[in-house]
């Protein structure tokens, strides 16, 4: 431990859908989550997914000036460890973060 201020801090940014409904009999339901991020710069280095048993793929994107850049894509059916981010990028506010989930 140190009392000296560090140049970076680590944390998690959670995005989730609480309004997604899977109608009875549907084989696939997609869920979109998006938000405008207006806080400190973020430098993603990992991407973790969690959708219980129904999720097949989760993709996260940064949207800047209309251009979508993939942060990460993973199946939540793999062990819940996380994977390295697919792009080395920064999230400088204000930016839109978008999460896409495919539930089966």
PDB file of N, CA and C in Angstrom:
ATOM      1  N   UNK A   1       0.840  -1.182   0.000  1.00  0.00           N
ATOM      2  CA  UNK A   1       0.000   0.000   0.000  1.00  0.00           C
ATOM      3  C   UNK A   1       0.883   1.242   0.000  1.00  0.00           C
ATOM      4  N   UNK A   2       0.317   2.303  -0.528  1.00  0.00           N
ATOM      5  CA  UNK A   2       1.026   3.569  -0.562  1.00  0.00           C
ATOM      6  C   UNK A   2       0.047   4.701  -0.284  1.00  0.00           C
ATOM      7  N   UNK A   3       0.545   5.748   0.301  1.00  0.00           N
ATOM      8  CA  UNK A   3      -0.291   6.935   0.512  1.00  0.00           C
ATOM      9  C   UNK A   3      -0.087   7.941  -0.619  1.00  0.00           C
ATOM     10  N   UNK A   4       0.818   7.612  -1.556  1.00  0.00           N
ATOM     11  CA  UNK A   4       1.100   8.486  -2.691  1.00  0.00           C
ATOM     12  C   UNK A   4       0.002   8.333  -3.748  1.00  0.00           C
ATOM     13  N   UNK A   5      -0.600   9.434  -4.217  1.00  0.00           N
ATOM     14  CA  UNK A   5      -1.633   9.335  -5.257  1.00  0.00           C
ATOM     15  C   UNK A   5      -1.088   8.644  -6.509  1.00  0.00           C
ATOM     16  N   UNK A   6      -1.884   7.744  -7.074  1.00  0.00           N
ATOM     17  CA  UNK A   6      -1.490   6.980  -8.248  1.00  0.00           C
ATOM     18  C   UNK A   6      -2.080   7.608  -9.510  1.00  0.00           C
ATOM     19  N   UNK A   7      -1.422   7.430 -10.669  1.00  0.00           N
ATOM     20  CA  UNK A   7      -1.917   8.057 -11.900  1.00  0.00           C
ATOM     21  C   UNK A   7      -3.210   7.430 -12.425  1.00  0.00           C
ATOM     22  N   UNK A   8      -3.482   6.175 -12.073  1.00  0.00           N
ATOM     23  CA  UNK A   8      -4.686   5.496 -12.537  1.00  0.00           C
ATOM     24  C   UNK A   8      -5.343   4.769 -11.374  1.00  0.00           C
ATOM     25  N   UNK A   9      -6.647   4.537 -11.498  1.00  0.00           N
ATOM     26  CA  UNK A   9      -7.354   3.697 -10.544  1.00  0.00           C
ATOM     27  C   UNK A   9      -8.068   2.611 -11.340  1.00  0.00           C
ATOM     28  N   UNK A  10      -8.309   1.487 -10.722  1.00  0.00           N
ATOM     29  CA  UNK A  10      -9.012   0.387 -11.386  1.00  0.00           C
ATOM     30  C   UNK A  10     -10.439   0.329 -10.867  1.00  0.00           C
ATOM     31  N   UNK A  11     -11.326  -0.128 -11.715  1.00  0.00           N
ATOM     32  CA  UNK A  11     -12.715  -0.260 -11.313  1.00  0.00           C
ATOM     33  C   UNK A  11     -13.495  -1.021 -12.361  1.00  0.00           C
ATOM     34  N   UNK A  12     -14.787  -1.143 -12.141  1.00  0.00           N
ATOM     35  CA  UNK A  12     -15.671  -1.816 -13.083  1.00  0.00           C
ATOM     36  C   UNK A  12     -16.781  -0.856 -13.474  1.00  0.00           C
ATOM     37  N   UNK A  13     -17.184  -0.926 -14.729  1.00  0.00           N
ATOM     38  CA  UNK A  13     -18.321  -0.151 -15.217  1.00  0.00           C
ATOM     39  C   UNK A  13     -19.390  -1.157 -15.606  1.00  0.00           C
ATOM     40  N   UNK A  14     -20.506  -1.155 -14.903  1.00  0.00           N
ATOM     41  CA  UNK A  14     -21.560  -2.145 -15.093  1.00  0.00           C
ATOM     42  C   UNK A  14     -22.667  -1.584 -15.968  1.00  0.00           C
ATOM     43  N   UNK A  15     -23.029  -2.344 -16.995  1.00  0.00           N
ATOM     44  CA  UNK A  15     -24.181  -2.010 -17.829  1.00  0.00           C
ATOM     45  C   UNK A  15     -25.094  -3.224 -17.829  1.00  0.00           C
ATOM     46  N   UNK A  16     -26.393  -2.999 -17.617  1.00  0.00           N
ATOM     47  CA  UNK A  16     -27.318  -4.125 -17.601  1.00  0.00           C
ATOM     48  C   UNK A  16     -28.703  -3.684 -18.031  1.00  0.00           C
ATOM     49  N   UNK A  17     -29.477  -4.648 -18.472  1.00  0.00           N
ATOM     50  CA  UNK A  17     -30.859  -4.395 -18.866  1.00  0.00           C
ATOM     51  C   UNK A  17     -31.776  -4.948 -17.787  1.00  0.00           C
ATOM     52  N   UNK A  18     -32.680  -4.112 -17.305  1.00  0.00           N
ATOM     53  CA  UNK A  18     -33.659  -4.575 -16.320  1.00  0.00           C
ATOM     54  C   UNK A  18     -35.059  -4.624 -16.926  1.00  0.00           C
ATOM     55  N   UNK A  19     -35.177  -4.253 -18.196  1.00  0.00           N
ATOM     56  CA  UNK A  19     -36.494  -4.211 -18.834  1.00  0.00           C
ATOM     57  C   UNK A  19     -36.650  -5.224 -19.961  1.00  0.00           C
ATOM     58  N   UNK A  20     -35.628  -6.035 -20.222  1.00  0.00           N
ATOM     59  CA  UNK A  20     -35.723  -7.016 -21.299  1.00  0.00           C
ATOM     60  C   UNK A  20     -36.715  -8.110 -20.921  1.00  0.00           C
ATOM     61  N   UNK A  21     -37.649  -8.372 -21.815  1.00  0.00           N
ATOM     62  CA  UNK A  21     -38.647  -9.425 -21.620  1.00  0.00           C
ATOM     63  C   UNK A  21     -38.446 -10.468 -22.713  1.00  0.00           C
ATOM     64  N   UNK A  22     -38.403 -11.725 -22.330  1.00  0.00           N
ATOM     65  CA  UNK A  22     -38.286 -12.818 -23.293  1.00  0.00           C
ATOM     66  C   UNK A  22     -39.673 -13.440 -23.434  1.00  0.00           C
ATOM     67  N   UNK A  23     -40.361 -13.161 -24.548  1.00  0.00           N
ATOM     68  CA  UNK A  23     -41.709 -13.706 -24.729  1.00  0.00           C
ATOM     69  C   UNK A  23     -41.691 -15.234 -24.800  1.00  0.00           C
ATOM     70  N   UNK A  24     -42.731 -15.890 -24.268  1.00  0.00           N
ATOM     71  CA  UNK A  24     -42.804 -17.350 -24.322  1.00  0.00           C
ATOM     72  C   UNK A  24     -42.727 -17.840 -25.769  1.00  0.00           C
ATOM     73  N   UNK A  25     -41.944 -18.868 -25.998  1.00  0.00           N
ATOM     74  CA  UNK A  25     -41.838 -19.464 -27.319  1.00  0.00           C
ATOM     75  C   UNK A  25     -40.790 -18.831 -28.218  1.00  0.00           C
ATOM     76  N   UNK A  26     -40.245 -17.666 -27.849  1.00  0.00           N
ATOM     77  CA  UNK A  26     -39.205 -17.043 -28.675  1.00  0.00           C
ATOM     78  C   UNK A  26     -37.915 -17.845 -28.575  1.00  0.00           C
ATOM     79  N   UNK A  27     -37.298 -18.100 -29.718  1.00  0.00           N
ATOM     80  CA  UNK A  27     -36.015 -18.797 -29.729  1.00  0.00           C
ATOM     81  C   UNK A  27     -34.865 -17.840 -29.424  1.00  0.00           C
ATOM     82  N   UNK A  28     -34.986 -16.580 -29.884  1.00  0.00           N
ATOM     83  CA  UNK A  28     -33.933 -15.587 -29.684  1.00  0.00           C
ATOM     84  C   UNK A  28     -34.574 -14.254 -29.312  1.00  0.00           C
ATOM     85  N   UNK A  29     -34.026 -13.593 -28.322  1.00  0.00           N
ATOM     86  CA  UNK A  29     -34.429 -12.237 -27.954  1.00  0.00           C
ATOM     87  C   UNK A  29     -33.161 -11.414 -27.821  1.00  0.00           C
ATOM     88  N   UNK A  30     -33.144 -10.241 -28.442  1.00  0.00           N
ATOM     89  CA  UNK A  30     -31.985  -9.361 -28.351  1.00  0.00           C
ATOM     90  C   UNK A  30     -32.284  -8.229 -27.382  1.00  0.00           C
ATOM     91  N   UNK A  31     -31.260  -7.787 -26.687  1.00  0.00           N
ATOM     92  CA  UNK A  31     -31.400  -6.681 -25.744  1.00  0.00           C
ATOM     93  C   UNK A  31     -30.309  -5.659 -26.032  1.00  0.00           C
ATOM     94  N   UNK A  32     -30.691  -4.399 -26.071  1.00  0.00           N
ATOM     95  CA  UNK A  32     -29.746  -3.306 -26.275  1.00  0.00           C
ATOM     96  C   UNK A  32     -29.736  -2.413 -25.044  1.00  0.00           C
ATOM     97  N   UNK A  33     -28.552  -2.015 -24.625  1.00  0.00           N
ATOM     98  CA  UNK A  33     -28.382  -1.091 -23.510  1.00  0.00           C
ATOM     99  C   UNK A  33     -27.409  -0.017 -23.981  1.00  0.00           C
ATOM    100  N   UNK A  34     -27.737   1.244 -23.775  1.00  0.00           N
ATOM    101  CA  UNK A  34     -26.836   2.323 -24.168  1.00  0.00           C
ATOM    102  C   UNK A  34     -26.900   3.437 -23.134  1.00  0.00           C
ATOM    103  N   UNK A  35     -25.792   4.133 -22.959  1.00  0.00           N
ATOM    104  CA  UNK A  35     -25.771   5.273 -22.050  1.00  0.00           C
ATOM    105  C   UNK A  35     -24.702   6.251 -22.509  1.00  0.00           C
ATOM    106  N   UNK A  36     -24.864   7.500 -22.122  1.00  0.00           N
ATOM    107  CA  UNK A  36     -23.837   8.509 -22.357  1.00  0.00           C
ATOM    108  C   UNK A  36     -22.959   8.561 -21.116  1.00  0.00           C
ATOM    109  N   UNK A  37     -21.662   8.434 -21.316  1.00  0.00           N
ATOM    110  CA  UNK A  37     -20.705   8.427 -20.213  1.00  0.00           C
ATOM    111  C   UNK A  37     -20.108   9.819 -20.066  1.00  0.00           C
ATOM    112  N   UNK A  38     -20.229  10.413 -18.874  1.00  0.00           N
ATOM    113  CA  UNK A  38     -19.784  11.791 -18.645  1.00  0.00           C
ATOM    114  C   UNK A  38     -18.869  11.928 -17.437  1.00  0.00           C
ATOM    115  N   UNK A  39     -18.030  10.949 -17.179  1.00  0.00           N
ATOM    116  CA  UNK A  39     -17.181  11.021 -15.997  1.00  0.00           C
ATOM    117  C   UNK A  39     -15.711  10.971 -16.405  1.00  0.00           C
ATOM    118  N   UNK A  40     -14.871  10.440 -15.537  1.00  0.00           N
ATOM    119  CA  UNK A  40     -13.436  10.378 -15.778  1.00  0.00           C
ATOM    120  C   UNK A  40     -13.120   9.513 -16.998  1.00  0.00           C
ATOM    121  N   UNK A  41     -11.980   9.741 -17.647  1.00  0.00           N
ATOM    122  CA  UNK A  41     -11.587   8.868 -18.764  1.00  0.00           C
ATOM    123  C   UNK A  41     -11.449   7.415 -18.306  1.00  0.00           C
ATOM    124  N   UNK A  42     -11.845   6.493 -19.186  1.00  0.00           N
ATOM    125  CA  UNK A  42     -11.713   5.058 -18.927  1.00  0.00           C
ATOM    126  C   UNK A  42     -10.815   4.476 -20.017  1.00  0.00           C
ATOM    127  N   UNK A  43      -9.935   3.565 -19.616  1.00  0.00           N
ATOM    128  CA  UNK A  43      -9.068   2.855 -20.549  1.00  0.00           C
ATOM    129  C   UNK A  43      -9.346   1.361 -20.385  1.00  0.00           C
ATOM    130  N   UNK A  44     -10.329   0.829 -21.122  1.00  0.00           N
ATOM    131  CA  UNK A  44     -10.715  -0.578 -20.928  1.00  0.00           C
ATOM    132  C   UNK A  44      -9.564  -1.526 -21.265  1.00  0.00           C
ATOM    133  N   UNK A  45      -9.341  -2.485 -20.381  1.00  0.00           N
ATOM    134  CA  UNK A  45      -8.332  -3.506 -20.652  1.00  0.00           C
ATOM    135  C   UNK A  45      -8.932  -4.906 -20.599  1.00  0.00           C
ATOM    136  N   UNK A  46     -10.171  -5.026 -20.110  1.00  0.00           N
ATOM    137  CA  UNK A  46     -10.826  -6.328 -20.043  1.00  0.00           C
ATOM    138  C   UNK A  46     -12.325  -6.144 -20.234  1.00  0.00           C
ATOM    139  N   UNK A  47     -12.987  -7.248 -20.557  1.00  0.00           N
ATOM    140  CA  UNK A  47     -14.416  -7.249 -20.844  1.00  0.00           C
ATOM    141  C   UNK A  47     -14.984  -8.521 -20.234  1.00  0.00           C
ATOM    142  N   UNK A  48     -16.003  -8.401 -19.397  1.00  0.00           N
ATOM    143  CA  UNK A  48     -16.591  -9.566 -18.733  1.00  0.00           C
ATOM    144  C   UNK A  48     -18.082  -9.597 -19.013  1.00  0.00           C
ATOM    145  N   UNK A  49     -18.606 -10.779 -19.271  1.00  0.00           N
ATOM    146  CA  UNK A  49     -20.028 -10.928 -19.566  1.00  0.00           C
ATOM    147  C   UNK A  49     -20.692 -11.801 -18.516  1.00  0.00           C
ATOM    148  N   UNK A  50     -21.998 -11.560 -18.313  1.00  0.00           N
ATOM    149  CA  UNK A  50     -22.762 -12.383 -17.375  1.00  0.00           C
ATOM    150  C   UNK A  50     -24.235 -12.273 -17.738  1.00  0.00           C
ATOM    151  N   UNK A  51     -24.842 -13.378 -18.156  1.00  0.00           N
ATOM    152  CA  UNK A  51     -26.259 -13.363 -18.535  1.00  0.00           C
ATOM    153  C   UNK A  51     -26.993 -14.597 -18.022  1.00  0.00           C
ATOM    154  N   UNK A  52     -26.444 -15.274 -17.045  1.00  0.00           N
ATOM    155  CA  UNK A  52     -27.001 -16.528 -16.548  1.00  0.00           C
ATOM    156  C   UNK A  52     -26.984 -17.548 -17.685  1.00  0.00           C
ATOM    157  N   UNK A  53     -27.957 -18.432 -17.790  1.00  0.00           N
ATOM    158  CA  UNK A  53     -27.908 -19.512 -18.781  1.00  0.00           C
ATOM    159  C   UNK A  53     -28.406 -19.109 -20.163  1.00  0.00           C
ATOM    160  N   UNK A  54     -29.052 -17.953 -20.293  1.00  0.00           N
ATOM    161  CA  UNK A  54     -29.717 -17.627 -21.549  1.00  0.00           C
ATOM    162  C   UNK A  54     -28.835 -16.918 -22.565  1.00  0.00           C
ATOM    163  N   UNK A  55     -27.811 -16.222 -22.136  1.00  0.00           N
ATOM    164  CA  UNK A  55     -27.008 -15.427 -23.054  1.00  0.00           C
ATOM    165  C   UNK A  55     -26.093 -16.269 -23.919  1.00  0.00           C
ATOM    166  N   UNK A  56     -25.989 -15.906 -25.190  1.00  0.00           N
ATOM    167  CA  UNK A  56     -25.087 -16.591 -26.114  1.00  0.00           C
ATOM    168  C   UNK A  56     -23.913 -15.715 -26.518  1.00  0.00           C
ATOM    169  N   UNK A  57     -24.138 -14.421 -26.632  1.00  0.00           N
ATOM    170  CA  UNK A  57     -23.052 -13.499 -26.969  1.00  0.00           C
ATOM    171  C   UNK A  57     -23.395 -12.119 -26.413  1.00  0.00           C
ATOM    172  N   UNK A  58     -22.375 -11.429 -25.919  1.00  0.00           N
ATOM    173  CA  UNK A  58     -22.516 -10.053 -25.451  1.00  0.00           C
ATOM    174  C   UNK A  58     -21.392  -9.251 -26.097  1.00  0.00           C
ATOM    175  N   UNK A  59     -21.745  -8.121 -26.705  1.00  0.00           N
ATOM    176  CA  UNK A  59     -20.767  -7.256 -27.366  1.00  0.00           C
ATOM    177  C   UNK A  59     -20.871  -5.859 -26.789  1.00  0.00           C
ATOM    178  N   UNK A  60     -19.735  -5.229 -26.538  1.00  0.00           N
ATOM    179  CA  UNK A  60     -19.706  -3.860 -26.034  1.00  0.00           C
ATOM    180  C   UNK A  60     -18.977  -2.952 -27.008  1.00  0.00           C
ATOM    181  N   UNK A  61     -19.507  -1.757 -27.230  1.00  0.00           N
ATOM    182  CA  UNK A  61     -18.946  -0.813 -28.195  1.00  0.00           C
ATOM    183  C   UNK A  61     -18.800   0.573 -27.586  1.00  0.00           C
ATOM    184  N   UNK A  62     -17.830   1.322 -28.086  1.00  0.00           N
ATOM    185  CA  UNK A  62     -17.746   2.759 -27.853  1.00  0.00           C
ATOM    186  C   UNK A  62     -18.221   3.418 -29.140  1.00  0.00           C
ATOM    187  N   UNK A  63     -19.079   4.424 -29.005  1.00  0.00           N
ATOM    188  CA  UNK A  63     -19.542   5.169 -30.174  1.00  0.00           C
ATOM    189  C   UNK A  63     -18.986   6.582 -30.063  1.00  0.00           C
ATOM    190  N   UNK A  64     -18.175   6.969 -31.029  1.00  0.00           N
ATOM    191  CA  UNK A  64     -17.571   8.306 -31.051  1.00  0.00           C
ATOM    192  C   UNK A  64     -17.746   8.873 -32.452  1.00  0.00           C
ATOM    193  N   UNK A  65     -18.388  10.028 -32.536  1.00  0.00           N
ATOM    194  CA  UNK A  65     -18.610  10.701 -33.820  1.00  0.00           C
ATOM    195  C   UNK A  65     -19.255   9.765 -34.841  1.00  0.00           C
ATOM    196  N   UNK A  66     -20.199   8.937 -34.389  1.00  0.00           N
ATOM    197  CA  UNK A  66     -20.912   8.033 -35.277  1.00  0.00           C
ATOM    198  C   UNK A  66     -20.161   6.760 -35.629  1.00  0.00           C
ATOM    199  N   UNK A  67     -18.914   6.608 -35.178  1.00  0.00           N
ATOM    200  CA  UNK A  67     -18.121   5.410 -35.477  1.00  0.00           C
ATOM    201  C   UNK A  67     -18.180   4.449 -34.289  1.00  0.00           C
ATOM    202  N   UNK A  68     -18.537   3.190 -34.571  1.00  0.00           N
ATOM    203  CA  UNK A  68     -18.627   2.156 -33.545  1.00  0.00           C
ATOM    204  C   UNK A  68     -17.302   1.400 -33.476  1.00  0.00           C
ATOM    205  N   UNK A  69     -16.712   1.322 -32.276  1.00  0.00           N
ATOM    206  CA  UNK A  69     -15.474   0.575 -32.064  1.00  0.00           C
ATOM    207  C   UNK A  69     -15.749  -0.514 -31.038  1.00  0.00           C
ATOM    208  N   UNK A  70     -15.451  -1.752 -31.407  1.00  0.00           N
ATOM    209  CA  UNK A  70     -15.693  -2.885 -30.523  1.00  0.00           C
ATOM    210  C   UNK A  70     -14.746  -2.839 -29.327  1.00  0.00           C
ATOM    211  N   UNK A  71     -15.310  -2.872 -28.122  1.00  0.00           N
ATOM    212  CA  UNK A  71     -14.508  -2.978 -26.897  1.00  0.00           C
ATOM    213  C   UNK A  71     -14.241  -4.447 -26.610  1.00  0.00           C
ATOM    214  N   UNK A  72     -15.284  -5.271 -26.683  1.00  0.00           N
ATOM    215  CA  UNK A  72     -15.124  -6.694 -26.427  1.00  0.00           C
ATOM    216  C   UNK A  72     -16.361  -7.462 -26.831  1.00  0.00           C
ATOM    217  N   UNK A  73     -16.168  -8.752 -27.103  1.00  0.00           N
ATOM    218  CA  UNK A  73     -17.277  -9.653 -27.434  1.00  0.00           C
ATOM    219  C   UNK A  73     -16.930 -11.005 -26.823  1.00  0.00           C
ATOM    220  N   UNK A  74     -17.913 -11.593 -26.141  1.00  0.00           N
ATOM    221  CA  UNK A  74     -17.646 -12.863 -25.473  1.00  0.00           C
ATOM    222  C   UNK A  74     -18.951 -13.615 -25.265  1.00  0.00           C
ATOM    223  N   UNK A  75     -18.865 -14.927 -25.213  1.00  0.00           N
ATOM    224  CA  UNK A  75     -20.015 -15.727 -24.817  1.00  0.00           C
ATOM    225  C   UNK A  75     -20.003 -15.868 -23.303  1.00  0.00           C
ATOM    226  N   UNK A  76     -21.120 -15.606 -22.659  1.00  0.00           N
ATOM    227  CA  UNK A  76     -21.172 -15.769 -21.207  1.00  0.00           C
ATOM    228  C   UNK A  76     -21.224 -17.231 -20.777  1.00  0.00           C
ATOM    229  N   UNK A  77     -21.237 -18.158 -21.731  1.00  0.00           N
ATOM    230  CA  UNK A  77     -21.257 -19.579 -21.392  1.00  0.00           C
ATOM    231  C   UNK A  77     -19.863 -20.098 -21.033  1.00  0.00           C
ATOM    232  N   UNK A  78     -18.825 -19.313 -21.303  1.00  0.00           N
ATOM    233  CA  UNK A  78     -17.473 -19.670 -20.873  1.00  0.00           C
ATOM    234  C   UNK A  78     -17.328 -19.353 -19.387  1.00  0.00           C
ATOM    235  N   UNK A  79     -16.314 -19.909 -18.719  1.00  0.00           N
ATOM    236  CA  UNK A  79     -16.101 -19.556 -17.307  1.00  0.00           C
ATOM    237  C   UNK A  79     -16.033 -18.041 -17.124  1.00  0.00           C
ATOM    238  N   UNK A  80     -16.596 -17.548 -16.030  1.00  0.00           N
ATOM    239  CA  UNK A  80     -16.728 -16.113 -15.785  1.00  0.00           C
ATOM    240  C   UNK A  80     -15.419 -15.499 -15.303  1.00  0.00           C
ATOM    241  N   UNK A  81     -14.469 -15.388 -16.206  1.00  0.00           N
ATOM    242  CA  UNK A  81     -13.177 -14.816 -15.865  1.00  0.00           C
ATOM    243  C   UNK A  81     -12.995 -13.464 -16.530  1.00  0.00           C
ATOM    244  N   UNK A  82     -13.509 -13.309 -17.719  1.00  0.00           N
ATOM    245  CA  UNK A  82     -13.302 -12.089 -18.489  1.00  0.00           C
ATOM    246  C   UNK A  82     -12.274 -12.336 -19.571  1.00  0.00           C
ATOM    247  N   UNK A  83     -12.177 -11.426 -20.499  1.00  0.00           N
ATOM    248  CA  UNK A  83     -11.215 -11.540 -21.584  1.00  0.00           C
ATOM    249  C   UNK A  83     -10.609 -10.163 -21.810  1.00  0.00           C
ATOM    250  N   UNK A  84      -9.470 -10.140 -22.471  1.00  0.00           N
ATOM    251  CA  UNK A  84      -8.842  -8.860 -22.769  1.00  0.00           C
ATOM    252  C   UNK A  84      -9.707  -8.073 -23.729  1.00  0.00           C
ATOM    253  N   UNK A  85      -9.709  -6.760 -23.586  1.00  0.00           N
ATOM    254  CA  UNK A  85     -10.441  -5.907 -24.511  1.00  0.00           C
ATOM    255  C   UNK A  85      -9.862  -6.087 -25.908  1.00  0.00           C
ATOM    256  N   UNK A  86     -10.712  -5.990 -26.925  1.00  0.00           N
ATOM    257  CA  UNK A  86     -10.284  -6.237 -28.294  1.00  0.00           C
ATOM    258  C   UNK A  86      -9.600  -5.025 -28.918  1.00  0.00           C
ATOM    259  N   UNK A  87      -9.780  -3.857 -28.346  1.00  0.00           N
ATOM    260  CA  UNK A  87      -9.186  -2.633 -28.881  1.00  0.00           C
ATOM    261  C   UNK A  87      -8.524  -1.867 -27.748  1.00  0.00           C
ATOM    262  N   UNK A  88      -7.398  -1.251 -28.040  1.00  0.00           N
ATOM    263  CA  UNK A  88      -6.802  -0.342 -27.070  1.00  0.00           C
ATOM    264  C   UNK A  88      -7.369   1.032 -27.377  1.00  0.00           C
ATOM    265  N   UNK A  89      -8.265   1.493 -26.529  1.00  0.00           N
ATOM    266  CA  UNK A  89      -8.921   2.761 -26.782  1.00  0.00           C
ATOM    267  C   UNK A  89      -9.201   3.462 -25.475  1.00  0.00           C
ATOM    268  N   UNK A  90      -9.599   4.699 -25.579  1.00  0.00           N
ATOM    269  CA  UNK A  90      -9.960   5.463 -24.394  1.00  0.00           C
ATOM    270  C   UNK A  90     -11.414   5.880 -24.512  1.00  0.00           C
ATOM    271  N   UNK A  91     -12.059   5.986 -23.377  1.00  0.00           N
ATOM    272  CA  UNK A  91     -13.429   6.478 -23.317  1.00  0.00           C
ATOM    273  C   UNK A  91     -13.374   7.826 -22.624  1.00  0.00           C
ATOM    274  N   UNK A  92     -13.311   8.869 -23.425  1.00  0.00           N
ATOM    275  CA  UNK A  92     -13.246  10.219 -22.887  1.00  0.00           C
ATOM    276  C   UNK A  92     -14.629  10.838 -22.978  1.00  0.00           C
ATOM    277  N   UNK A  93     -15.131  11.397 -21.894  1.00  0.00           N
ATOM    278  CA  UNK A  93     -16.489  11.935 -21.901  1.00  0.00           C
ATOM    279  C   UNK A  93     -16.609  13.150 -22.808  1.00  0.00           C
ATOM    280  N   UNK A  94     -17.804  13.440 -23.334  1.00  0.00           N
ATOM    281  CA  UNK A  94     -18.982  12.567 -23.286  1.00  0.00           C
ATOM    282  C   UNK A  94     -18.953  11.583 -24.442  1.00  0.00           C
ATOM    283  N   UNK A  95     -19.168  10.333 -24.171  1.00  0.00           N
ATOM    284  CA  UNK A  95     -19.200   9.276 -25.176  1.00  0.00           C
ATOM    285  C   UNK A  95     -20.379   8.370 -24.893  1.00  0.00           C
ATOM    286  N   UNK A  96     -20.828   7.677 -25.933  1.00  0.00           N
ATOM    287  CA  UNK A  96     -21.923   6.729 -25.785  1.00  0.00           C
ATOM    288  C   UNK A  96     -21.331   5.327 -25.691  1.00  0.00           C
ATOM    289  N   UNK A  97     -21.776   4.574 -24.693  1.00  0.00           N
ATOM    290  CA  UNK A  97     -21.411   3.169 -24.556  1.00  0.00           C
ATOM    291  C   UNK A  97     -22.636   2.350 -24.922  1.00  0.00           C
ATOM    292  N   UNK A  98     -22.439   1.287 -25.685  1.00  0.00           N
ATOM    293  CA  UNK A  98     -23.556   0.470 -26.156  1.00  0.00           C
ATOM    294  C   UNK A  98     -23.242  -0.994 -25.892  1.00  0.00           C
ATOM    295  N   UNK A  99     -24.207  -1.714 -25.345  1.00  0.00           N
ATOM    296  CA  UNK A  99     -24.067  -3.131 -25.058  1.00  0.00           C
ATOM    297  C   UNK A  99     -25.173  -3.872 -25.788  1.00  0.00           C
ATOM    298  N   UNK A 100     -24.827  -4.940 -26.486  1.00  0.00           N
ATOM    299  CA  UNK A 100     -25.789  -5.742 -27.233  1.00  0.00           C
ATOM    300  C   UNK A 100     -25.731  -7.169 -26.716  1.00  0.00           C
ATOM    301  N   UNK A 101     -26.890  -7.738 -26.351  1.00  0.00           N
ATOM    302  CA  UNK A 101     -26.955  -9.104 -25.834  1.00  0.00           C
ATOM    303  C   UNK A 101     -27.899  -9.933 -26.681  1.00  0.00           C
ATOM    304  N   UNK A 102     -27.519 -11.164 -26.963  1.00  0.00           N
ATOM    305  CA  UNK A 102     -28.377 -12.113 -27.658  1.00  0.00           C
ATOM    306  C   UNK A 102     -28.720 -13.232 -26.682  1.00  0.00           C
ATOM    307  N   UNK A 103     -30.013 -13.354 -26.347  1.00  0.00           N
ATOM    308  CA  UNK A 103     -30.475 -14.334 -25.364  1.00  0.00           C
ATOM    309  C   UNK A 103     -31.222 -15.452 -26.074  1.00  0.00           C
ATOM    310  N   UNK A 104     -30.899 -16.704 -25.757  1.00  0.00           N
ATOM    311  CA  UNK A 104     -31.526 -17.876 -26.395  1.00  0.00           C
ATOM    312  C   UNK A 104     -32.207 -18.724 -25.351  1.00  0.00           C
TER     313      UNK A 104
END
